[in-house]
Amino acid sequence: MRSRKAVFSLTLLQLVALATVAGTWTAVTSKPSYDYAYVTFEGGDYKTHEGQPGSGDKWVAKGRFNNRINETGWSYLWVETNPKGNNDSMQAFAAGLVEGNLTAPLIRMSGKNSWEGQCQNLSSTYCAKMTKFLIMNLIWMKEMIAEKAKTNPFWHMINLYICQLEALQSVYSSEYGCEGCLPELYWLQFYSELADISKALMLPPEVYYMRKGSCSAMIKVLPGNKDLYVAHDTWNTYSSMLRVLKSYDFSYHTLPTSQVKVPGRKITFSSYPGLLLSMDDYYVISSGMVVMETTIENNNVEIAAKNTVPRGCVLEGLRVMAANRLAANIHQWANEFSSYNSGTYNNMWMVLDYHKFEPNKELPNSDLLLVLEQMPGYIMFQDLTKKLKNDTYWGSYNVPYFSKIVKISGQQDLINKYGDIYTYNNTPRAKIMRRDHVKVKDIKTMIKLMRYNNYKKDPLSRCECDPAENAALAISARSDLNPQNGTYRFKFLGHRAHGAIDMKLTNSTLIKDLSFIAIAGPTCDDVPIFQWSKAGFNDSVPHFGHPDIFKFPPYVFGDDVKPFYRDQ
């Protein structure tokens, strides 16, 4: 049994001081082994226990964890909080303790693979500037929480996120933490936002590439409106393939003294060790909504410097989780997310409400699909239900859709210089989806499209490169397959340990119990299986905790994990 007290007040003082599928799918069906933990609050202190709570235990939060990365490509985490006698802040803190105790070793390995050491050396001028930005932003948010959290639902949600993070950090720091540095897990939450913060600080361009992510996403209406699929491929560096599928069931209220539960009480999502959000992003929510995004690049440093400031903005990940919990429909989600825009980790967001979809019936003309795009100082969103209804699909491929965002972001300059590859309608993935979405008849064919990469034979995967065939120009990228000695028009088309690292998909049946299908690892349908020991990155790219070979079938994740078979 471990005892934990709230330690963030001390940490904050320290921060202030610092501021000066190929072949047959074969599923693993063996009975999984779970690790359990729960937290009680006794004598003014949080106590963490191994195992499951008994009938007489007054638990605040409990969780179970199953690391099956070598079997399925994923680890799995479920955390639930208990509202009986426990206010929201207690639930949040206890949830962080549970997750920390169950996943700290995995967080450590993930840190070694990705974020550890990248920007924690305060002797570095660049890192010191970003550290100061994060510290000042955190201090401002704590001030706003003290002023507004009791009466403002948005700030109540921000407070709960930070409470959960404080607890997670306290567990991790007791095992692995370093003294005199910004807490590791605070860096991790905003790892995807550091590149945009560096732009706002006018740092050299090489700093912008601390994390360059991309994704493919698709919403597909089946013929006859039989079903509606929402699918997403995360593109990321291969070192990030230590993954966790998470389920949070938190009994939060809209305000600390309110009896009204948040619509997004329960969320299932794809994630990473130590993250309290997705970052892919892909969320299935008890409000009936599915939320996902693909990254769009801001090439306008001036608007970043003007609008991305430490006092007055809330970083993107915090706003996403606040919107996920507070919103009951797509329009509320957009309004909540738009609060205190940071202009960091700029994305095209797709928010779909399954409550507005009835199988085999005509689609509504509104309120089903909303698309939102963010830039520093600007957020645009529109109900695109009619477009989905007319086209029967919606695709997203890391380029903005709205013409104003194209102009504001500097994308138009890239279009003028380089042509179609930077346009929404004619970038290669847009052409592939437009050609192939009609082939989707069921879940199997949807998975096939989302895992599609036949770059050797597909003329739409060609570029002005040598060789012309390019494995990055596909729905499921495999940049590792591009020759190291090739000649490439753009760096992102070159040889690197980067590509699509998963696939997630839900439909009108799976959403009922907040489940989704997930496949781990790079695609291998029409291309070779990814294997660390043969890929040429084994010594240069950290991959602690990874299996050597990534060839895993699909699994259904929700309240439990079960195989998905071809005949389903």
Protein backbone atom coordinates (compact mmCIF):
# COMPACT_ATOMS: atom_id res chain seq x y z
CA MET A 1 0.00 0.00 0.00
CA ARG A 2 1.30 3.42 -0.96
CA SER A 3 0.36 6.78 0.48
CA ARG A 4 0.13 9.85 -1.75
CA LYS A 5 -0.58 13.45 -0.88
CA ALA A 6 -1.22 16.33 -3.23
CA VAL A 7 2.28 17.53 -4.08
CA PHE A 8 1.70 19.99 -6.91
CA SER A 9 1.77 23.08 -4.71
CA LEU A 10 5.44 22.32 -4.06
CA THR A 11 6.06 21.50 -7.69
CA LEU A 12 4.52 24.78 -8.77
CA LEU A 13 6.89 26.70 -6.51
CA GLN A 14 9.77 24.87 -8.13
CA LEU A 15 8.43 25.80 -11.55
CA VAL A 16 8.17 29.44 -10.61
CA ALA A 17 11.81 29.31 -9.56
CA LEU A 18 12.75 27.76 -12.89
CA ALA A 19 11.05 30.56 -14.76
CA THR A 20 13.81 33.11 -14.09
CA VAL A 21 -3.40 -7.05 -42.38
CA ALA A 22 -1.38 -9.48 -44.81
CA GLY A 23 -2.76 -13.02 -45.05
CA THR A 24 -5.08 -14.49 -42.43
CA TRP A 25 -5.76 -12.55 -39.25
CA THR A 26 -4.75 -14.74 -36.33
CA ALA A 27 -6.04 -13.39 -33.04
CA VAL A 28 -4.62 -14.10 -29.61
CA THR A 29 -7.43 -15.69 -27.61
CA SER A 30 -5.61 -16.65 -24.41
CA LYS A 31 -7.09 -15.31 -21.19
CA PRO A 32 -5.38 -12.00 -20.36
CA SER A 33 -3.67 -11.31 -17.06
CA TYR A 34 -4.62 -8.00 -15.45
CA ASP A 35 -2.90 -5.76 -12.93
CA TYR A 36 -5.35 -4.03 -10.58
CA ALA A 37 -5.07 -1.01 -8.31
CA TYR A 38 -7.44 1.20 -6.36
CA VAL A 39 -7.21 4.33 -4.24
CA THR A 40 -8.92 5.19 -0.97
CA PHE A 41 -8.95 8.44 0.99
CA GLU A 42 -8.28 7.81 4.67
CA GLY A 43 -7.29 10.23 7.40
CA GLY A 44 -6.80 13.09 4.98
CA ASP A 45 -4.50 11.09 2.72
CA TYR A 46 -4.75 9.10 -0.50
CA LYS A 47 -3.71 5.47 -0.20
CA THR A 48 -3.02 3.26 -3.19
CA HIS A 49 -3.69 -0.49 -2.94
CA GLU A 50 -2.88 -3.37 -5.22
CA GLY A 51 -5.72 -5.62 -6.32
CA GLN A 52 -9.45 -4.97 -6.56
CA PRO A 53 -11.50 -3.20 -3.88
CA GLY A 54 -13.67 -5.34 -1.65
CA SER A 55 -17.35 -4.72 -1.07
CA GLY A 56 -16.59 -2.73 2.07
CA ASP A 57 -13.77 -0.61 0.64
CA LYS A 58 -14.61 3.04 0.09
CA TRP A 59 -12.61 3.46 -3.06
CA VAL A 60 -12.25 6.75 -4.91
CA ALA A 61 -10.79 5.34 -8.14
CA LYS A 62 -9.92 1.90 -9.43
CA GLY A 63 -8.22 0.56 -12.51
CA ARG A 64 -7.02 -2.47 -14.39
CA PHE A 65 -4.16 -2.73 -16.81
CA ASN A 66 -3.12 -5.36 -19.31
CA ASN A 67 0.16 -5.12 -21.22
CA ARG A 68 -0.25 -7.27 -24.33
CA ILE A 69 2.00 -5.31 -26.64
CA ASN A 70 3.91 -8.41 -27.68
CA GLU A 71 0.67 -10.30 -28.38
CA THR A 72 -1.69 -7.70 -29.82
CA GLY A 73 0.44 -4.59 -30.33
CA TRP A 74 -1.41 -2.73 -27.57
CA SER A 75 -1.58 -2.35 -23.83
CA TYR A 76 -4.97 -1.62 -22.27
CA LEU A 77 -6.05 0.56 -19.36
CA TRP A 78 -9.43 1.06 -17.71
CA VAL A 79 -9.88 3.66 -14.95
CA GLU A 80 -13.15 4.34 -13.14
CA THR A 81 -13.99 6.81 -10.37
CA ASN A 82 -16.57 6.60 -7.60
CA PRO A 83 -18.75 9.68 -6.93
CA LYS A 84 -20.09 8.45 -3.59
CA GLY A 85 -18.64 10.80 -1.01
CA ASN A 86 -15.90 11.96 -3.38
CA ASN A 87 -15.92 15.34 -5.09
CA ASP A 88 -14.68 15.76 -8.65
CA SER A 89 -11.18 16.89 -7.67
CA MET A 90 -10.73 13.87 -5.42
CA GLN A 91 -11.84 11.60 -8.25
CA ALA A 92 -9.41 13.24 -10.68
CA PHE A 93 -6.46 13.00 -8.31
CA ALA A 94 -7.23 9.38 -7.41
CA ALA A 95 -7.56 8.50 -11.11
CA GLY A 96 -4.07 9.88 -11.71
CA LEU A 97 -2.67 7.84 -8.84
CA VAL A 98 -4.24 4.65 -10.19
CA GLU A 99 -2.90 5.20 -13.69
CA GLY A 100 0.55 6.10 -12.40
CA ASN A 101 0.81 2.99 -10.27
CA LEU A 102 -0.33 0.72 -13.10
CA THR A 103 1.66 2.23 -15.97
CA ALA A 104 4.79 3.98 -14.59
CA PRO A 105 7.25 1.42 -16.07
CA LEU A 106 5.60 1.77 -19.48
CA ILE A 107 5.76 5.56 -19.21
CA ARG A 108 9.46 5.26 -18.51
CA MET A 109 10.06 3.20 -21.65
CA SER A 110 7.93 5.53 -23.74
CA GLY A 111 9.91 8.48 -22.45
CA LYS A 112 13.17 6.87 -23.47
CA ASN A 113 11.72 6.31 -26.94
CA SER A 114 10.36 9.76 -27.64
CA TRP A 115 10.42 12.80 -25.39
CA GLU A 116 13.12 12.18 -22.79
CA GLY A 117 15.95 14.66 -23.06
CA GLN A 118 14.61 16.47 -26.11
CA CYS A 119 13.89 19.69 -24.26
CA GLN A 120 14.72 19.35 -20.59
CA ASN A 121 18.26 20.71 -20.63
CA LEU A 122 17.71 24.19 -19.26
CA SER A 123 21.17 25.29 -20.36
CA SER A 124 19.84 25.25 -23.90
CA THR A 125 18.57 28.68 -24.90
CA TYR A 126 15.80 27.24 -27.05
CA CYS A 127 14.61 24.80 -24.43
CA ALA A 128 14.78 27.43 -21.71
CA LYS A 129 12.49 29.68 -23.74
CA MET A 130 9.95 26.93 -24.26
CA THR A 131 10.19 25.93 -20.61
CA LYS A 132 9.51 29.49 -19.55
CA PHE A 133 6.49 29.63 -21.87
CA LEU A 134 5.02 26.45 -20.37
CA ILE A 135 5.66 27.60 -16.81
CA MET A 136 4.10 31.01 -17.39
CA ASN A 137 1.12 29.40 -19.06
CA LEU A 138 0.64 26.97 -16.19
CA ILE A 139 0.84 29.76 -13.62
CA TRP A 140 -1.77 31.75 -15.54
CA MET A 141 -4.07 28.74 -15.78
CA LYS A 142 -3.80 28.15 -12.03
CA GLU A 143 -4.78 31.78 -11.48
CA MET A 144 -7.80 31.38 -13.77
CA ILE A 145 -8.78 28.14 -12.03
CA ALA A 146 -8.73 29.87 -8.65
CA GLU A 147 -10.90 32.66 -10.05
CA LYS A 148 -13.34 30.78 -12.29
CA ALA A 149 -13.45 27.01 -11.67
CA LYS A 150 -16.28 27.21 -9.13
CA THR A 151 -18.66 28.89 -11.57
CA ASN A 152 -17.33 28.12 -15.06
CA PRO A 153 -17.61 24.53 -16.40
CA PHE A 154 -14.71 24.97 -18.82
CA TRP A 155 -12.30 25.96 -16.06
CA HIS A 156 -13.67 23.24 -13.81
CA MET A 157 -12.64 20.70 -16.48
CA ILE A 158 -9.20 22.29 -16.86
CA ASN A 159 -8.72 22.03 -13.10
CA LEU A 160 -9.67 18.35 -13.11
CA TYR A 161 -7.21 17.58 -15.89
CA ILE A 162 -4.41 19.26 -13.94
CA CYS A 163 -5.43 17.44 -10.73
CA GLN A 164 -5.22 14.12 -12.55
CA LEU A 165 -1.87 15.08 -14.06
CA GLU A 166 -0.45 16.18 -10.71
CA ALA A 167 -1.21 12.78 -9.23
CA LEU A 168 0.21 10.91 -12.20
CA GLN A 169 3.37 13.00 -12.01
CA SER A 170 3.70 12.40 -8.26
CA VAL A 171 3.77 8.64 -8.80
CA TYR A 172 6.16 8.86 -11.72
CA SER A 173 8.51 11.30 -9.97
CA SER A 174 8.76 9.05 -6.94
CA GLU A 175 10.11 6.31 -9.21
CA TYR A 176 11.93 8.07 -12.04
CA GLY A 177 11.67 11.83 -11.67
CA CYS A 178 14.56 14.24 -11.98
CA GLU A 179 15.19 17.19 -9.72
CA GLY A 180 15.40 20.72 -11.08
CA CYS A 181 13.53 20.04 -14.31
CA LEU A 182 10.04 20.70 -15.55
CA PRO A 183 8.00 17.60 -14.64
CA GLU A 184 8.38 15.05 -17.40
CA LEU A 185 4.70 14.31 -17.80
CA TYR A 186 3.86 17.97 -18.18
CA TRP A 187 6.20 18.04 -21.16
CA LEU A 188 4.57 14.89 -22.46
CA GLN A 189 1.00 16.27 -22.41
CA PHE A 190 2.03 19.07 -24.73
CA TYR A 191 4.69 17.30 -26.77
CA SER A 192 2.62 17.70 -29.93
CA GLU A 193 2.37 21.46 -29.31
CA LEU A 194 6.06 22.26 -28.84
CA ALA A 195 6.71 22.87 -32.54
CA ASP A 196 4.02 25.55 -32.67
CA ILE A 197 5.22 27.09 -29.42
CA SER A 198 8.71 27.29 -30.94
CA LYS A 199 7.26 29.15 -33.93
CA ALA A 200 5.53 31.62 -31.62
CA LEU A 201 8.87 32.20 -29.90
CA MET A 202 10.54 32.79 -33.29
CA LEU A 203 13.01 29.95 -32.73
CA PRO A 204 15.06 28.57 -35.64
CA PRO A 205 13.15 26.36 -38.11
CA GLU A 206 15.04 23.20 -37.11
CA VAL A 207 13.35 23.40 -33.70
CA TYR A 208 9.93 23.21 -35.38
CA TYR A 209 10.47 19.57 -36.19
CA MET A 210 10.56 18.29 -32.64
CA ARG A 211 7.34 16.51 -33.50
CA LYS A 212 5.93 16.35 -36.99
CA GLY A 213 2.73 14.35 -37.09
CA SER A 214 0.26 13.58 -39.81
CA CYS A 215 -2.78 11.36 -40.11
CA SER A 216 -5.45 10.04 -42.45
CA ALA A 217 -9.13 10.08 -41.48
CA MET A 218 -12.33 9.06 -43.20
CA ILE A 219 -16.05 9.06 -42.50
CA LYS A 220 -17.99 6.75 -44.79
CA VAL A 221 -21.75 6.29 -45.32
CA LEU A 222 -22.50 2.80 -46.59
CA PRO A 223 -24.81 2.22 -49.56
CA GLY A 224 -28.44 2.59 -48.54
CA ASN A 225 -27.29 4.34 -45.36
CA LYS A 226 -26.88 0.88 -43.87
CA ASP A 227 -24.11 2.04 -41.56
CA LEU A 228 -21.73 4.89 -40.84
CA TYR A 229 -18.01 4.33 -40.28
CA VAL A 230 -15.57 6.71 -38.59
CA ALA A 231 -11.94 5.69 -39.08
CA HIS A 232 -8.50 7.12 -38.40
CA ASP A 233 -4.85 6.26 -39.08
CA THR A 234 -2.24 7.88 -36.86
CA TRP A 235 0.97 8.86 -38.63
CA ASN A 236 3.92 9.24 -36.30
CA THR A 237 7.53 8.31 -35.78
CA TYR A 238 7.95 4.57 -35.28
CA SER A 239 9.58 5.13 -31.91
CA SER A 240 6.11 6.10 -30.64
CA MET A 241 4.60 2.63 -31.22
CA LEU A 242 4.45 1.80 -27.50
CA ARG A 243 0.70 2.30 -27.26
CA VAL A 244 -2.17 2.20 -24.78
CA LEU A 245 -5.89 1.97 -25.49
CA LYS A 246 -7.69 3.69 -22.62
CA SER A 247 -11.13 3.84 -21.10
CA TYR A 248 -11.91 6.63 -18.62
CA ASP A 249 -15.20 6.41 -16.73
CA PHE A 250 -15.16 9.50 -14.52
CA SER A 251 -18.24 10.66 -12.61
CA TYR A 252 -17.57 14.35 -13.13
CA HIS A 253 -20.11 17.14 -12.78
CA THR A 254 -20.42 20.34 -14.79
CA LEU A 255 -19.43 22.36 -11.69
CA PRO A 256 -17.92 21.46 -8.31
CA THR A 257 -21.25 21.98 -6.50
CA SER A 258 -23.56 20.82 -9.29
CA GLN A 259 -25.44 17.52 -9.41
CA VAL A 260 -25.48 17.59 -13.22
CA LYS A 261 -23.16 14.96 -14.72
CA VAL A 262 -21.06 15.85 -17.74
CA PRO A 263 -22.29 14.32 -21.04
CA GLY A 264 -18.81 12.90 -21.72
CA ARG A 265 -18.53 10.95 -18.51
CA LYS A 266 -16.97 7.97 -20.27
CA ILE A 267 -14.40 8.15 -23.06
CA THR A 268 -12.52 5.39 -24.87
CA PHE A 269 -9.54 6.44 -26.93
CA SER A 270 -6.18 5.52 -28.41
CA SER A 271 -3.25 6.97 -26.52
CA TYR A 272 0.29 6.65 -25.21
CA PRO A 273 1.82 5.92 -21.78
CA GLY A 274 1.58 8.96 -19.52
CA LEU A 275 -0.85 10.90 -21.70
CA LEU A 276 -4.26 11.88 -20.32
CA LEU A 277 -5.50 12.58 -23.84
CA SER A 278 -5.21 10.81 -27.17
CA MET A 279 -2.84 12.98 -29.25
CA ASP A 280 -3.72 10.86 -32.31
CA ASP A 281 -6.54 12.08 -31.81
CA TYR A 282 -9.39 9.55 -31.70
CA TYR A 283 -12.17 9.56 -29.06
CA VAL A 284 -15.42 7.61 -28.67
CA ILE A 285 -17.57 9.39 -26.09
CA SER A 286 -20.64 8.57 -23.97
CA SER A 287 -22.36 11.65 -25.43
CA GLY A 288 -22.71 9.62 -28.64
CA MET A 289 -20.01 11.57 -30.42
CA VAL A 290 -16.79 10.49 -32.09
CA VAL A 291 -14.04 13.10 -32.28
CA MET A 292 -10.89 12.84 -34.40
CA GLU A 293 -8.39 15.05 -36.22
CA THR A 294 -5.59 15.31 -38.71
CA THR A 295 -2.83 17.88 -38.35
CA ILE A 296 -2.69 20.96 -40.57
CA GLU A 297 0.51 22.96 -40.68
CA ASN A 298 0.81 26.62 -39.80
CA ASN A 299 3.37 28.23 -42.10
CA ASN A 300 2.62 31.77 -40.92
CA VAL A 301 5.07 32.53 -38.13
CA GLU A 302 3.72 36.06 -37.71
CA ILE A 303 0.26 34.96 -36.54
CA ALA A 304 1.88 32.46 -34.17
CA ALA A 305 4.06 35.13 -32.58
CA LYS A 306 1.06 37.44 -32.21
CA ASN A 307 -1.54 34.98 -30.89
CA THR A 308 0.25 32.09 -29.16
CA VAL A 309 1.07 33.69 -25.82
CA PRO A 310 1.51 32.13 -22.36
CA ARG A 311 -1.07 34.33 -20.64
CA GLY A 312 -4.47 34.10 -22.26
CA CYS A 313 -4.41 30.74 -24.01
CA VAL A 314 -5.13 27.16 -22.99
CA LEU A 315 -3.08 24.56 -24.81
CA GLU A 316 -4.93 22.39 -27.27
CA GLY A 317 -4.91 19.08 -25.40
CA LEU A 318 -6.61 20.58 -22.36
CA ARG A 319 -9.29 22.19 -24.52
CA VAL A 320 -9.98 18.93 -26.33
CA MET A 321 -10.66 17.00 -23.14
CA ALA A 322 -12.78 19.84 -21.72
CA ALA A 323 -14.90 19.86 -24.88
CA ASN A 324 -15.13 16.06 -24.92
CA ARG A 325 -16.57 16.05 -21.41
CA LEU A 326 -18.83 19.10 -21.55
CA ALA A 327 -20.40 18.90 -25.01
CA ALA A 328 -23.72 17.18 -25.66
CA ASN A 329 -23.69 17.88 -29.42
CA ILE A 330 -21.33 18.87 -32.21
CA HIS A 331 -22.03 22.60 -31.92
CA GLN A 332 -21.38 22.67 -28.18
CA TRP A 333 -18.14 20.81 -28.78
CA ALA A 334 -16.95 23.47 -31.22
CA ASN A 335 -17.86 26.29 -28.85
CA GLU A 336 -16.10 24.72 -25.86
CA PHE A 337 -12.99 23.85 -27.85
CA SER A 338 -12.76 27.37 -29.26
CA SER A 339 -12.28 28.92 -25.81
CA TYR A 340 -8.83 30.44 -25.23
CA ASN A 341 -7.38 29.23 -28.54
CA SER A 342 -3.65 28.60 -28.21
CA GLY A 343 -2.91 28.16 -31.90
CA THR A 344 -0.82 25.10 -31.05
CA TYR A 345 -1.11 21.61 -32.54
CA ASN A 346 -3.32 23.02 -35.27
CA ASN A 347 -5.69 20.46 -36.71
CA MET A 348 -8.75 19.76 -38.77
CA TRP A 349 -11.23 18.38 -36.24
CA MET A 350 -14.14 16.13 -37.22
CA VAL A 351 -16.97 15.76 -34.71
CA LEU A 352 -19.73 13.29 -35.54
CA ASP A 353 -22.90 12.65 -33.51
CA TYR A 354 -24.21 9.09 -33.84
CA HIS A 355 -27.46 10.15 -32.16
CA LYS A 356 -28.30 11.80 -35.49
CA PHE A 357 -27.76 8.64 -37.52
CA GLU A 358 -30.34 5.89 -37.98
CA PRO A 359 -29.30 2.87 -40.07
CA ASN A 360 -31.22 2.41 -43.32
CA LYS A 361 -32.84 5.84 -43.04
CA GLU A 362 -32.10 9.08 -44.86
CA LEU A 363 -29.35 11.17 -43.34
CA PRO A 364 -30.39 14.46 -41.74
CA ASN A 365 -29.46 17.76 -43.36
CA SER A 366 -27.70 19.08 -40.26
CA ASP A 367 -26.25 18.29 -36.82
CA LEU A 368 -24.51 15.04 -37.81
CA LEU A 369 -21.01 16.22 -38.83
CA LEU A 370 -19.08 19.34 -37.90
CA VAL A 371 -15.61 20.17 -39.21
CA LEU A 372 -13.41 22.67 -37.35
CA GLU A 373 -10.01 24.05 -38.30
CA GLN A 374 -7.67 25.98 -36.02
CA MET A 375 -4.85 28.43 -36.59
CA PRO A 376 -3.30 30.91 -34.14
CA GLY A 377 -5.94 33.58 -33.58
CA TYR A 378 -8.49 31.87 -35.84
CA ILE A 379 -10.96 29.02 -35.54
CA MET A 380 -13.48 28.18 -38.25
CA PHE A 381 -16.15 25.50 -38.08
CA GLN A 382 -19.10 24.49 -40.19
CA ASP A 383 -21.84 21.89 -40.17
CA LEU A 384 -20.97 19.72 -43.17
CA THR A 385 -23.74 17.15 -42.80
CA LYS A 386 -25.14 18.01 -46.24
CA LYS A 387 -21.75 17.51 -47.88
CA LEU A 388 -21.38 14.12 -46.21
CA LYS A 389 -24.91 13.25 -47.32
CA ASN A 390 -24.22 14.23 -50.93
CA ASP A 391 -20.71 12.77 -51.26
CA THR A 392 -21.26 9.73 -48.96
CA TYR A 393 -17.79 10.21 -47.48
CA TRP A 394 -15.53 12.78 -45.87
CA GLY A 395 -11.75 12.59 -46.01
CA SER A 396 -8.99 14.36 -44.13
CA TYR A 397 -5.34 14.35 -45.17
CA ASN A 398 -3.38 17.08 -43.34
CA VAL A 399 -4.39 19.96 -45.58
CA PRO A 400 -7.01 22.57 -44.66
CA TYR A 401 -10.48 22.56 -46.20
CA PHE A 402 -11.67 26.10 -45.50
CA SER A 403 -10.32 28.70 -47.94
CA LYS A 404 -9.77 31.26 -45.18
CA ILE A 405 -7.59 28.82 -43.24
CA VAL A 406 -5.70 28.02 -46.46
CA LYS A 407 -4.88 31.71 -46.77
CA ILE A 408 -4.20 32.45 -43.10
CA SER A 409 -1.92 29.44 -42.63
CA GLY A 410 0.31 30.25 -45.58
CA GLN A 411 -0.90 27.13 -47.39
CA GLN A 412 -1.84 29.13 -50.48
CA ASP A 413 1.79 30.12 -50.93
CA LEU A 414 2.74 26.44 -50.94
CA ILE A 415 -0.01 25.68 -53.46
CA ASN A 416 1.23 28.46 -55.72
CA LYS A 417 4.78 27.15 -55.49
CA TYR A 418 4.32 23.38 -55.47
CA GLY A 419 0.85 22.65 -56.82
CA ASP A 420 -1.76 20.01 -56.06
CA ILE A 421 0.09 18.13 -53.33
CA TYR A 422 -0.88 20.97 -50.96
CA THR A 423 -4.56 21.21 -51.99
CA TYR A 424 -7.47 19.61 -50.18
CA ASN A 425 -9.12 18.14 -53.27
CA ASN A 426 -6.09 16.96 -55.22
CA THR A 427 -3.43 15.91 -52.76
CA PRO A 428 -2.63 12.24 -53.50
CA ARG A 429 -4.61 10.83 -50.57
CA ALA A 430 -7.66 12.85 -51.61
CA LYS A 431 -7.49 11.31 -55.07
CA ILE A 432 -7.10 7.82 -53.63
CA MET A 433 -10.09 8.22 -51.30
CA ARG A 434 -12.23 9.74 -54.06
CA ARG A 435 -11.42 6.79 -56.30
CA ASP A 436 -11.71 4.01 -53.73
CA HIS A 437 -14.39 5.00 -51.19
CA VAL A 438 -17.02 3.34 -53.42
CA LYS A 439 -15.31 -0.01 -52.74
CA VAL A 440 -16.29 0.16 -49.07
CA LYS A 441 -19.18 -2.24 -48.51
CA ASP A 442 -18.53 -3.49 -44.97
CA ILE A 443 -16.04 -3.25 -42.12
CA LYS A 444 -13.50 -5.48 -43.86
CA THR A 445 -13.36 -3.30 -46.95
CA MET A 446 -13.21 -0.15 -44.81
CA ILE A 447 -10.22 -1.56 -42.94
CA LYS A 448 -8.62 -2.46 -46.26
CA LEU A 449 -8.96 1.13 -47.48
CA MET A 450 -7.63 2.62 -44.25
CA ARG A 451 -4.62 0.25 -44.38
CA TYR A 452 -4.11 0.82 -48.10
CA ASN A 453 -0.60 1.26 -49.44
CA ASN A 454 0.19 -0.18 -52.85
CA TYR A 455 2.71 2.47 -53.80
CA LYS A 456 4.66 0.27 -56.21
CA LYS A 457 1.63 -0.13 -58.50
CA ASP A 458 -0.66 2.81 -57.75
CA PRO A 459 -0.05 5.77 -60.11
CA LEU A 460 -1.49 8.11 -57.47
CA SER A 461 1.49 7.29 -55.22
CA ARG A 462 4.00 8.73 -57.68
CA CYS A 463 5.91 11.99 -57.25
CA GLU A 464 8.66 14.03 -58.90
CA CYS A 465 11.23 11.93 -57.07
CA ASP A 466 13.76 9.23 -57.85
CA PRO A 467 12.35 6.65 -57.59
CA ALA A 468 8.95 8.02 -58.57
CA GLU A 469 7.00 5.49 -56.49
CA ASN A 470 6.68 6.83 -52.95
CA ALA A 471 5.41 4.90 -49.91
CA ALA A 472 4.49 8.12 -48.08
CA LEU A 473 1.82 8.94 -50.68
CA ALA A 474 -0.80 6.48 -49.50
CA ILE A 475 -3.63 6.31 -46.98
CA SER A 476 -1.36 4.34 -44.64
CA ALA A 477 2.15 5.72 -45.14
CA ARG A 478 5.34 3.63 -44.92
CA SER A 479 8.20 6.12 -45.30
CA ASP A 480 10.67 3.49 -44.11
CA LEU A 481 10.26 1.78 -47.49
CA ASN A 482 11.50 4.77 -49.48
CA PRO A 483 15.15 4.20 -50.47
CA GLN A 484 17.71 5.96 -48.33
CA ASN A 485 19.69 6.98 -51.42
CA GLY A 486 16.65 8.37 -53.25
CA THR A 487 16.12 11.94 -54.41
CA TYR A 488 12.99 13.59 -53.00
CA ARG A 489 11.24 16.84 -53.77
CA PHE A 490 10.25 17.28 -50.12
CA LYS A 491 11.91 15.99 -46.97
CA PHE A 492 8.67 14.39 -45.78
CA LEU A 493 8.74 12.12 -48.84
CA GLY A 494 12.17 10.76 -47.94
CA HIS A 495 13.43 7.71 -46.08
CA ARG A 496 12.63 7.86 -42.36
CA ALA A 497 11.21 5.82 -39.49
CA HIS A 498 7.77 7.34 -39.90
CA GLY A 499 4.38 6.32 -41.20
CA ALA A 500 0.93 5.16 -40.22
CA ILE A 501 1.28 3.30 -36.93
CA ASP A 502 -2.30 2.11 -36.40
CA MET A 503 -5.91 2.04 -37.58
CA LYS A 504 -9.05 2.72 -35.53
CA LEU A 505 -12.65 2.33 -36.65
CA THR A 506 -16.10 2.48 -35.07
CA ASN A 507 -19.63 2.21 -36.43
CA SER A 508 -23.26 2.53 -35.34
CA THR A 509 -23.15 -0.79 -33.48
CA LEU A 510 -19.79 -0.46 -31.73
CA ILE A 511 -20.59 3.07 -30.56
CA LYS A 512 -23.39 1.72 -28.37
CA ASP A 513 -20.88 0.42 -25.83
CA LEU A 514 -18.15 2.92 -26.76
CA SER A 515 -16.06 0.32 -28.59
CA PHE A 516 -13.82 0.58 -31.60
CA ILE A 517 -11.67 -1.71 -33.72
CA ALA A 518 -7.92 -1.14 -33.48
CA ILE A 519 -4.92 -2.48 -35.40
CA ALA A 520 -1.41 -1.75 -34.14
CA GLY A 521 1.63 -1.08 -36.26
CA PRO A 522 2.46 -0.14 -39.86
CA THR A 523 0.40 -1.66 -42.64
CA CYS A 524 1.59 -4.85 -44.30
CA ASP A 525 -1.27 -5.68 -46.67
CA ASP A 526 0.58 -5.00 -49.93
CA VAL A 527 3.98 -4.09 -48.53
CA PRO A 528 6.58 -5.91 -46.39
CA ILE A 529 6.00 -6.40 -42.67
CA PHE A 530 7.81 -3.87 -40.52
CA GLN A 531 10.57 -5.47 -38.45
CA TRP A 532 12.95 -3.42 -36.31
CA SER A 533 15.88 -5.80 -36.73
CA LYS A 534 15.65 -5.56 -40.53
CA ALA A 535 14.43 -2.00 -41.10
CA GLY A 536 17.78 -0.23 -40.79
CA PHE A 537 16.73 1.84 -37.77
CA ASN A 538 17.43 -0.72 -35.07
CA ASP A 539 20.42 1.13 -33.64
CA SER A 540 19.50 4.72 -34.50
CA VAL A 541 15.85 4.94 -33.38
CA PRO A 542 14.99 4.05 -29.75
CA HIS A 543 12.21 1.50 -29.36
CA PHE A 544 12.27 0.22 -25.79
CA GLY A 545 9.44 -2.19 -25.05
CA HIS A 546 8.53 -2.76 -28.70
CA PRO A 547 8.12 -6.16 -30.31
CA ASP A 548 10.57 -6.78 -33.13
CA ILE A 549 7.85 -7.61 -35.67
CA PHE A 550 4.65 -5.59 -36.11
CA LYS A 551 2.08 -7.89 -37.64
CA PHE A 552 -1.09 -7.86 -35.58
CA PRO A 553 -4.74 -8.55 -36.37
CA PRO A 554 -7.61 -6.22 -35.42
CA TYR A 555 -9.09 -6.23 -31.93
CA VAL A 556 -12.24 -4.65 -30.54
CA PHE A 557 -11.60 -2.43 -27.53
CA GLY A 558 -14.29 -1.22 -25.13
CA ASP A 559 -15.18 -2.54 -21.71
CA ASP A 560 -12.89 -5.44 -22.59
CA VAL A 561 -10.74 -6.66 -25.50
CA LYS A 562 -11.85 -9.27 -27.99
CA PRO A 563 -10.66 -10.39 -31.42
CA PHE A 564 -12.27 -9.09 -34.57
CA TYR A 565 -12.59 -11.78 -37.21
CA ARG A 566 -12.88 -11.45 -40.96
CA ASP A 567 -16.40 -12.92 -41.00
CA GLN A 568 -17.83 -10.38 -38.54
